[in-house]
Amino acid sequence: MSDNERVSDPDLTPAPMEYIDAGGAPVAPVQGHPSRRWLPYVAGAIAFVVVLVGLGAVVGDWGARNVEMRALITKIEASEDAMGTLQENVQGIFAEYEGAGSLSDEDRAAIDEELRAAAAAGRDAVAVAGDGVAGVRWLAWHRDVRDAQEAYLAHNRAWQDYLSRAAEDPAEFARPQSEVNETFMAAEDPIRSALPVPVLFDLVERVDVIFAPPEGSQPGQQA
């Protein structure tokens, strides 16, 4: 008998494997589950969605920081403008009498009255600007933005205290204001540290302008 004949003989063809359970009953062979072939695709899709959501959260947080810092810097600029306006007004009052020679008692009284009024108006304007700084909102976990806000508010309050004293005694304008200068310099690092990377809205340049010392003077803000 040839090999071909032996294989084709139905009597020699192996019977299908049959499984028997513990009770002796035949059990159908276990078939594969085609649906499980999709598991790697489903897992991959889930991983992609997780990565996409995570990336979106990071981008969203970065965008929120830029918006928060833009609001804070804008309010700080308004506060600095109020302080600058006060300084210009005081300089203008002194300029009126500059070169006039000896001043009469009436002149001195008039100067004092003008200086008191300028100090009171400046204090109120600085206080309003400080409220604007305090009103900036930030996400709870953006503690660096909070620190920047609080550091500048300390400087704003120092100005309010200074102008409150000047509104009572105009001689305060001629005294060194160490607290004003110290709080100003102390606010720079927290503000710069709170700027996101990369930064939008020209915030670095705007901060540079705020903390740039007047030409020919030392760093700080001379009151």
C-alpha atoms as a PDB file:
ATOM      1  CA  MET A   1       0.000   0.000   0.000  1.00  0.00           C
ATOM      2  CA  SER A   2       1.359   3.375  -0.980  1.00  0.00           C
ATOM      3  CA  ASP A   3       1.583   6.316   1.398  1.00  0.00           C
ATOM      4  CA  ASN A   4      -1.140   8.138  -0.528  1.00  0.00           C
ATOM      5  CA  GLU A   5      -3.478   5.245  -0.270  1.00  0.00           C
ATOM      6  CA  ARG A   6      -2.793   4.899   3.415  1.00  0.00           C
ATOM      7  CA  VAL A   7      -3.629   8.556   4.065  1.00  0.00           C
ATOM      8  CA  SER A   8      -6.760   8.490   1.963  1.00  0.00           C
ATOM      9  CA  ASP A   9      -8.117   5.394   3.632  1.00  0.00           C
ATOM     10  CA  PRO A  10     -11.103   6.585   5.732  1.00  0.00           C
ATOM     11  CA  ASP A  11     -10.429   3.864   8.232  1.00  0.00           C
ATOM     12  CA  LEU A  12      -7.037   5.350   8.967  1.00  0.00           C
ATOM     13  CA  THR A  13      -8.125   9.012   9.211  1.00  0.00           C
ATOM     14  CA  PRO A  14      -7.856  10.230  12.867  1.00  0.00           C
ATOM     15  CA  ALA A  15     -11.145  11.101  14.498  1.00  0.00           C
ATOM     16  CA  PRO A  16     -11.629  14.635  15.797  1.00  0.00           C
ATOM     17  CA  MET A  17     -10.517  15.148  19.392  1.00  0.00           C
ATOM     18  CA  GLU A  18     -13.352  14.880  21.827  1.00  0.00           C
ATOM     19  CA  TYR A  19     -13.314  16.355  25.351  1.00  0.00           C
ATOM     20  CA  ILE A  20     -15.123  14.628  28.187  1.00  0.00           C
ATOM     21  CA  ASP A  21     -16.252  16.397  31.332  1.00  0.00           C
ATOM     22  CA  ALA A  22     -16.046  14.928  34.819  1.00  0.00           C
ATOM     23  CA  GLY A  23     -19.437  13.288  34.400  1.00  0.00           C
ATOM     24  CA  GLY A  24     -18.472  11.519  31.200  1.00  0.00           C
ATOM     25  CA  ALA A  25     -20.470  13.787  28.858  1.00  0.00           C
ATOM     26  CA  PRO A  26     -18.740  15.110  25.733  1.00  0.00           C
ATOM     27  CA  VAL A  27     -17.769  18.778  25.760  1.00  0.00           C
ATOM     28  CA  ALA A  28     -17.513  20.880  22.606  1.00  0.00           C
ATOM     29  CA  PRO A  29     -14.007  22.133  21.799  1.00  0.00           C
ATOM     30  CA  VAL A  30     -13.253  25.640  23.039  1.00  0.00           C
ATOM     31  CA  GLN A  31     -13.567  28.104  20.227  1.00  0.00           C
ATOM     32  CA  GLY A  32     -11.556  31.369  20.009  1.00  0.00           C
ATOM     33  CA  HIS A  33     -13.227  34.725  20.739  1.00  0.00           C
ATOM     34  CA  PRO A  34     -12.870  36.954  17.698  1.00  0.00           C
ATOM     35  CA  SER A  35     -13.941  39.981  19.735  1.00  0.00           C
ATOM     36  CA  ARG A  36     -10.735  39.796  21.780  1.00  0.00           C
ATOM     37  CA  ARG A  37      -8.738  40.620  18.715  1.00  0.00           C
ATOM     38  CA  TRP A  38      -9.948  44.219  19.118  1.00  0.00           C
ATOM     39  CA  LEU A  39      -8.554  44.588  22.628  1.00  0.00           C
ATOM     40  CA  PRO A  40      -5.156  46.002  21.531  1.00  0.00           C
ATOM     41  CA  TYR A  41      -6.924  48.568  19.354  1.00  0.00           C
ATOM     42  CA  VAL A  42      -9.249  49.573  22.191  1.00  0.00           C
ATOM     43  CA  ALA A  43      -6.333  49.849  24.616  1.00  0.00           C
ATOM     44  CA  GLY A  44      -4.416  51.960  22.126  1.00  0.00           C
ATOM     45  CA  ALA A  45      -7.374  54.248  21.598  1.00  0.00           C
ATOM     46  CA  ILE A  46      -7.795  54.706  25.356  1.00  0.00           C
ATOM     47  CA  ALA A  47      -4.094  55.501  25.765  1.00  0.00           C
ATOM     48  CA  PHE A  48      -4.319  58.044  22.950  1.00  0.00           C
ATOM     49  CA  VAL A  49      -7.307  59.736  24.549  1.00  0.00           C
ATOM     50  CA  VAL A  50      -5.537  59.855  27.932  1.00  0.00           C
ATOM     51  CA  VAL A  51      -2.448  61.440  26.368  1.00  0.00           C
ATOM     52  CA  LEU A  52      -4.614  63.886  24.418  1.00  0.00           C
ATOM     53  CA  VAL A  53      -6.543  64.901  27.543  1.00  0.00           C
ATOM     54  CA  GLY A  54      -3.305  65.299  29.503  1.00  0.00           C
ATOM     55  CA  LEU A  55      -1.779  67.442  26.779  1.00  0.00           C
ATOM     56  CA  GLY A  56      -4.921  69.554  26.645  1.00  0.00           C
ATOM     57  CA  ALA A  57      -4.762  70.069  30.417  1.00  0.00           C
ATOM     58  CA  VAL A  58      -1.131  71.206  30.215  1.00  0.00           C
ATOM     59  CA  VAL A  59      -1.852  73.608  27.362  1.00  0.00           C
ATOM     60  CA  GLY A  60      -4.950  74.901  29.137  1.00  0.00           C
ATOM     61  CA  ASP A  61      -3.016  75.530  32.340  1.00  0.00           C
ATOM     62  CA  TRP A  62      -0.277  77.361  30.437  1.00  0.00           C
ATOM     63  CA  GLY A  63      -2.866  79.534  28.715  1.00  0.00           C
ATOM     64  CA  ALA A  64      -4.588  80.294  32.021  1.00  0.00           C
ATOM     65  CA  ARG A  65      -1.284  81.391  33.572  1.00  0.00           C
ATOM     66  CA  ASN A  66      -0.632  83.777  30.711  1.00  0.00           C
ATOM     67  CA  VAL A  67      -4.105  85.276  31.036  1.00  0.00           C
ATOM     68  CA  GLU A  68      -3.774  85.617  34.824  1.00  0.00           C
ATOM     69  CA  MET A  69      -0.374  87.284  34.580  1.00  0.00           C
ATOM     70  CA  ARG A  70      -1.587  89.616  31.833  1.00  0.00           C
ATOM     71  CA  ALA A  71      -4.407  90.743  34.137  1.00  0.00           C
ATOM     72  CA  LEU A  72      -2.022  91.154  37.070  1.00  0.00           C
ATOM     73  CA  ILE A  73       0.602  93.100  35.108  1.00  0.00           C
ATOM     74  CA  THR A  74      -2.110  95.351  33.646  1.00  0.00           C
ATOM     75  CA  LYS A  75      -3.350  96.221  37.150  1.00  0.00           C
ATOM     76  CA  ILE A  76       0.204  96.743  38.399  1.00  0.00           C
ATOM     77  CA  GLU A  77       0.825  99.143  35.519  1.00  0.00           C
ATOM     78  CA  ALA A  78      -2.279 101.094  36.557  1.00  0.00           C
ATOM     79  CA  SER A  79      -0.960 101.272  40.118  1.00  0.00           C
ATOM     80  CA  GLU A  80       2.441 102.478  38.943  1.00  0.00           C
ATOM     81  CA  ASP A  81       0.730 105.112  36.802  1.00  0.00           C
ATOM     82  CA  ALA A  82      -1.160 106.401  39.851  1.00  0.00           C
ATOM     83  CA  MET A  83       2.103 106.675  41.784  1.00  0.00           C
ATOM     84  CA  GLY A  84       3.793 108.412  38.866  1.00  0.00           C
ATOM     85  CA  THR A  85       0.944 110.897  38.560  1.00  0.00           C
ATOM     86  CA  LEU A  86       1.298 111.787  42.236  1.00  0.00           C
ATOM     87  CA  GLN A  87       5.018 112.363  41.829  1.00  0.00           C
ATOM     88  CA  GLU A  88       4.441 114.616  38.823  1.00  0.00           C
ATOM     89  CA  ASN A  89       1.848 116.620  40.735  1.00  0.00           C
ATOM     90  CA  VAL A  90       4.195 117.136  43.674  1.00  0.00           C
ATOM     91  CA  GLN A  91       7.035 118.157  41.382  1.00  0.00           C
ATOM     92  CA  GLY A  92       4.674 120.612  39.675  1.00  0.00           C
ATOM     93  CA  ILE A  93       3.765 122.208  43.007  1.00  0.00           C
ATOM     94  CA  PHE A  94       7.423 122.774  43.882  1.00  0.00           C
ATOM     95  CA  ALA A  95       8.116 124.039  40.362  1.00  0.00           C
ATOM     96  CA  GLU A  96       5.557 126.833  40.824  1.00  0.00           C
ATOM     97  CA  TYR A  97       7.662 128.394  43.559  1.00  0.00           C
ATOM     98  CA  GLU A  98      11.106 127.440  42.313  1.00  0.00           C
ATOM     99  CA  GLY A  99      13.321 130.494  41.807  1.00  0.00           C
ATOM    100  CA  ALA A 100      10.912 132.759  43.641  1.00  0.00           C
ATOM    101  CA  GLY A 101      13.498 133.565  46.287  1.00  0.00           C
ATOM    102  CA  SER A 102      12.419 133.754  49.906  1.00  0.00           C
ATOM    103  CA  LEU A 103       8.876 132.572  50.539  1.00  0.00           C
ATOM    104  CA  SER A 104       6.413 134.357  52.749  1.00  0.00           C
ATOM    105  CA  ASP A 105       4.457 132.554  55.413  1.00  0.00           C
ATOM    106  CA  GLU A 106       1.423 132.754  53.138  1.00  0.00           C
ATOM    107  CA  ASP A 107       3.366 131.101  50.337  1.00  0.00           C
ATOM    108  CA  ARG A 108       4.544 128.317  52.608  1.00  0.00           C
ATOM    109  CA  ALA A 109       1.013 127.762  53.871  1.00  0.00           C
ATOM    110  CA  ALA A 110      -0.266 127.613  50.298  1.00  0.00           C
ATOM    111  CA  ILE A 111       2.399 125.078  49.336  1.00  0.00           C
ATOM    112  CA  ASP A 112       1.571 122.914  52.347  1.00  0.00           C
ATOM    113  CA  GLU A 113      -2.119 122.988  51.497  1.00  0.00           C
ATOM    114  CA  GLU A 114      -1.464 121.993  47.889  1.00  0.00           C
ATOM    115  CA  LEU A 115       0.855 119.190  48.980  1.00  0.00           C
ATOM    116  CA  ARG A 116      -1.688 117.846  51.454  1.00  0.00           C
ATOM    117  CA  ALA A 117      -4.368 117.833  48.773  1.00  0.00           C
ATOM    118  CA  ALA A 118      -2.045 116.114  46.291  1.00  0.00           C
ATOM    119  CA  ALA A 119      -1.103 113.494  48.877  1.00  0.00           C
ATOM    120  CA  ALA A 120      -4.728 112.738  49.727  1.00  0.00           C
ATOM    121  CA  ALA A 121      -5.740 112.500  46.077  1.00  0.00           C
ATOM    122  CA  GLY A 122      -2.706 110.344  45.317  1.00  0.00           C
ATOM    123  CA  ARG A 123      -3.444 108.038  48.238  1.00  0.00           C
ATOM    124  CA  ASP A 124      -7.013 107.509  47.037  1.00  0.00           C
ATOM    125  CA  ALA A 125      -5.881 106.825  43.467  1.00  0.00           C
ATOM    126  CA  VAL A 126      -3.220 104.363  44.636  1.00  0.00           C
ATOM    127  CA  ALA A 127      -5.788 102.632  46.871  1.00  0.00           C
ATOM    128  CA  VAL A 128      -8.197 102.203  43.948  1.00  0.00           C
ATOM    129  CA  ALA A 129      -5.365 100.784  41.847  1.00  0.00           C
ATOM    130  CA  GLY A 130      -4.483  98.439  44.713  1.00  0.00           C
ATOM    131  CA  ASP A 131      -8.049  97.164  44.761  1.00  0.00           C
ATOM    132  CA  GLY A 132      -7.619  96.368  41.085  1.00  0.00           C
ATOM    133  CA  VAL A 133      -4.482  94.354  41.798  1.00  0.00           C
ATOM    134  CA  ALA A 134      -6.203  92.515  44.656  1.00  0.00           C
ATOM    135  CA  GLY A 135      -9.148  91.712  42.383  1.00  0.00           C
ATOM    136  CA  VAL A 136      -7.104  89.608  39.963  1.00  0.00           C
ATOM    137  CA  ARG A 137      -8.206  85.976  40.180  1.00  0.00           C
ATOM    138  CA  TRP A 138      -6.017  82.904  39.682  1.00  0.00           C
ATOM    139  CA  LEU A 139      -6.467  79.132  39.784  1.00  0.00           C
ATOM    140  CA  ALA A 140      -6.052  77.653  43.250  1.00  0.00           C
ATOM    141  CA  TRP A 141      -2.841  75.793  42.400  1.00  0.00           C
ATOM    142  CA  HIS A 142      -1.174  78.845  40.796  1.00  0.00           C
ATOM    143  CA  ARG A 143       0.496  79.833  44.057  1.00  0.00           C
ATOM    144  CA  ASP A 144       3.299  81.641  42.249  1.00  0.00           C
ATOM    145  CA  VAL A 145       0.735  84.030  40.756  1.00  0.00           C
ATOM    146  CA  ARG A 146      -0.713  84.557  44.232  1.00  0.00           C
ATOM    147  CA  ASP A 147       2.782  85.254  45.613  1.00  0.00           C
ATOM    148  CA  ALA A 148       3.415  87.828  42.878  1.00  0.00           C
ATOM    149  CA  GLN A 149       0.101  89.513  43.622  1.00  0.00           C
ATOM    150  CA  GLU A 150       0.735  89.662  47.373  1.00  0.00           C
ATOM    151  CA  ALA A 151       4.286  90.942  46.907  1.00  0.00           C
ATOM    152  CA  TYR A 152       3.096  93.876  44.817  1.00  0.00           C
ATOM    153  CA  LEU A 153       0.171  94.588  47.135  1.00  0.00           C
ATOM    154  CA  ALA A 154       2.696  95.069  49.951  1.00  0.00           C
ATOM    155  CA  HIS A 155       4.306  97.783  47.841  1.00  0.00           C
ATOM    156  CA  ASN A 156       0.964  99.400  47.062  1.00  0.00           C
ATOM    157  CA  ARG A 157       0.068  99.473  50.762  1.00  0.00           C
ATOM    158  CA  ALA A 158       3.442 101.036  51.575  1.00  0.00           C
ATOM    159  CA  TRP A 159       2.586 103.846  49.179  1.00  0.00           C
ATOM    160  CA  GLN A 160      -0.823 104.333  50.768  1.00  0.00           C
ATOM    161  CA  ASP A 161       0.740 104.575  54.222  1.00  0.00           C
ATOM    162  CA  TYR A 162       3.327 107.033  52.942  1.00  0.00           C
ATOM    163  CA  LEU A 163       0.735 109.282  51.309  1.00  0.00           C
ATOM    164  CA  SER A 164      -1.525 109.136  54.353  1.00  0.00           C
ATOM    165  CA  ARG A 165       1.342 110.540  56.419  1.00  0.00           C
ATOM    166  CA  ALA A 166       2.077 113.168  53.749  1.00  0.00           C
ATOM    167  CA  ALA A 167      -1.567 114.254  53.759  1.00  0.00           C
ATOM    168  CA  GLU A 168      -1.087 115.129  57.436  1.00  0.00           C
ATOM    169  CA  ASP A 169       2.464 116.460  57.225  1.00  0.00           C
ATOM    170  CA  PRO A 170       3.782 117.550  53.801  1.00  0.00           C
ATOM    171  CA  ALA A 171       7.344 117.359  55.170  1.00  0.00           C
ATOM    172  CA  GLU A 172       6.968 113.585  54.605  1.00  0.00           C
ATOM    173  CA  PHE A 173       7.669 114.228  50.924  1.00  0.00           C
ATOM    174  CA  ALA A 174      11.221 115.223  51.839  1.00  0.00           C
ATOM    175  CA  ARG A 175      11.933 112.164  54.012  1.00  0.00           C
ATOM    176  CA  PRO A 176      13.432 108.866  52.752  1.00  0.00           C
ATOM    177  CA  GLN A 177      10.806 106.184  52.245  1.00  0.00           C
ATOM    178  CA  SER A 178      12.693 102.953  52.790  1.00  0.00           C
ATOM    179  CA  GLU A 179       9.577 100.786  53.000  1.00  0.00           C
ATOM    180  CA  VAL A 180       8.352 102.011  49.620  1.00  0.00           C
ATOM    181  CA  ASN A 181      11.699 101.214  48.007  1.00  0.00           C
ATOM    182  CA  GLU A 182      12.217  97.889  49.761  1.00  0.00           C
ATOM    183  CA  THR A 183       8.757  96.526  48.927  1.00  0.00           C
ATOM    184  CA  PHE A 184       9.212  97.589  45.318  1.00  0.00           C
ATOM    185  CA  MET A 185      12.479  95.704  44.942  1.00  0.00           C
ATOM    186  CA  ALA A 186      11.072  92.699  46.845  1.00  0.00           C
ATOM    187  CA  ALA A 187       8.179  92.392  44.385  1.00  0.00           C
ATOM    188  CA  GLU A 188      10.333  91.945  41.286  1.00  0.00           C
ATOM    189  CA  ASP A 189      11.497  88.343  41.777  1.00  0.00           C
ATOM    190  CA  PRO A 190       8.031  86.903  42.613  1.00  0.00           C
ATOM    191  CA  ILE A 191       6.527  88.647  39.591  1.00  0.00           C
ATOM    192  CA  ARG A 192       9.217  87.425  37.216  1.00  0.00           C
ATOM    193  CA  SER A 193       9.049  83.900  38.686  1.00  0.00           C
ATOM    194  CA  ALA A 194       5.304  83.741  38.045  1.00  0.00           C
ATOM    195  CA  LEU A 195       5.671  84.407  34.314  1.00  0.00           C
ATOM    196  CA  PRO A 196       4.881  81.203  32.350  1.00  0.00           C
ATOM    197  CA  VAL A 197       7.217  79.689  29.773  1.00  0.00           C
ATOM    198  CA  PRO A 198       6.760  80.429  26.965  1.00  0.00           C
ATOM    199  CA  VAL A 199       5.266  83.786  27.825  1.00  0.00           C
ATOM    200  CA  LEU A 200       2.677  85.687  25.790  1.00  0.00           C
ATOM    201  CA  PHE A 201       1.378  89.274  25.599  1.00  0.00           C
ATOM    202  CA  ASP A 202       4.879  90.858  25.791  1.00  0.00           C
ATOM    203  CA  LEU A 203       4.791  90.340  29.545  1.00  0.00           C
ATOM    204  CA  VAL A 204       8.575  90.154  29.964  1.00  0.00           C
ATOM    205  CA  GLU A 205       9.028  93.509  28.242  1.00  0.00           C
ATOM    206  CA  ARG A 206       6.238  95.061  30.308  1.00  0.00           C
ATOM    207  CA  VAL A 207       7.803  93.821  33.547  1.00  0.00           C
ATOM    208  CA  ASP A 208      11.155  95.204  32.397  1.00  0.00           C
ATOM    209  CA  VAL A 209       9.546  98.621  31.993  1.00  0.00           C
ATOM    210  CA  ILE A 210       7.968  98.482  35.454  1.00  0.00           C
ATOM    211  CA  PHE A 211      11.240  97.681  37.206  1.00  0.00           C
ATOM    212  CA  ALA A 212      13.584  99.709  35.032  1.00  0.00           C
ATOM    213  CA  PRO A 213      15.288 102.303  37.284  1.00  0.00           C
ATOM    214  CA  PRO A 214      14.930 105.932  36.273  1.00  0.00           C
ATOM    215  CA  GLU A 215      17.851 107.110  34.217  1.00  0.00           C
ATOM    216  CA  GLY A 216      20.838 107.989  36.370  1.00  0.00           C
ATOM    217  CA  SER A 217      19.395 106.461  39.575  1.00  0.00           C
ATOM    218  CA  GLN A 218      19.871 103.287  41.541  1.00  0.00           C
ATOM    219  CA  PRO A 219      17.414 100.359  41.274  1.00  0.00           C
ATOM    220  CA  GLY A 220      14.318 100.867  43.366  1.00  0.00           C
ATOM    221  CA  GLN A 221      11.478 103.340  43.460  1.00  0.00           C
ATOM    222  CA  GLN A 222      12.341 106.601  45.100  1.00  0.00           C
ATOM    223  CA  ALA A 223       9.216 108.073  46.606  1.00  0.00           C
END
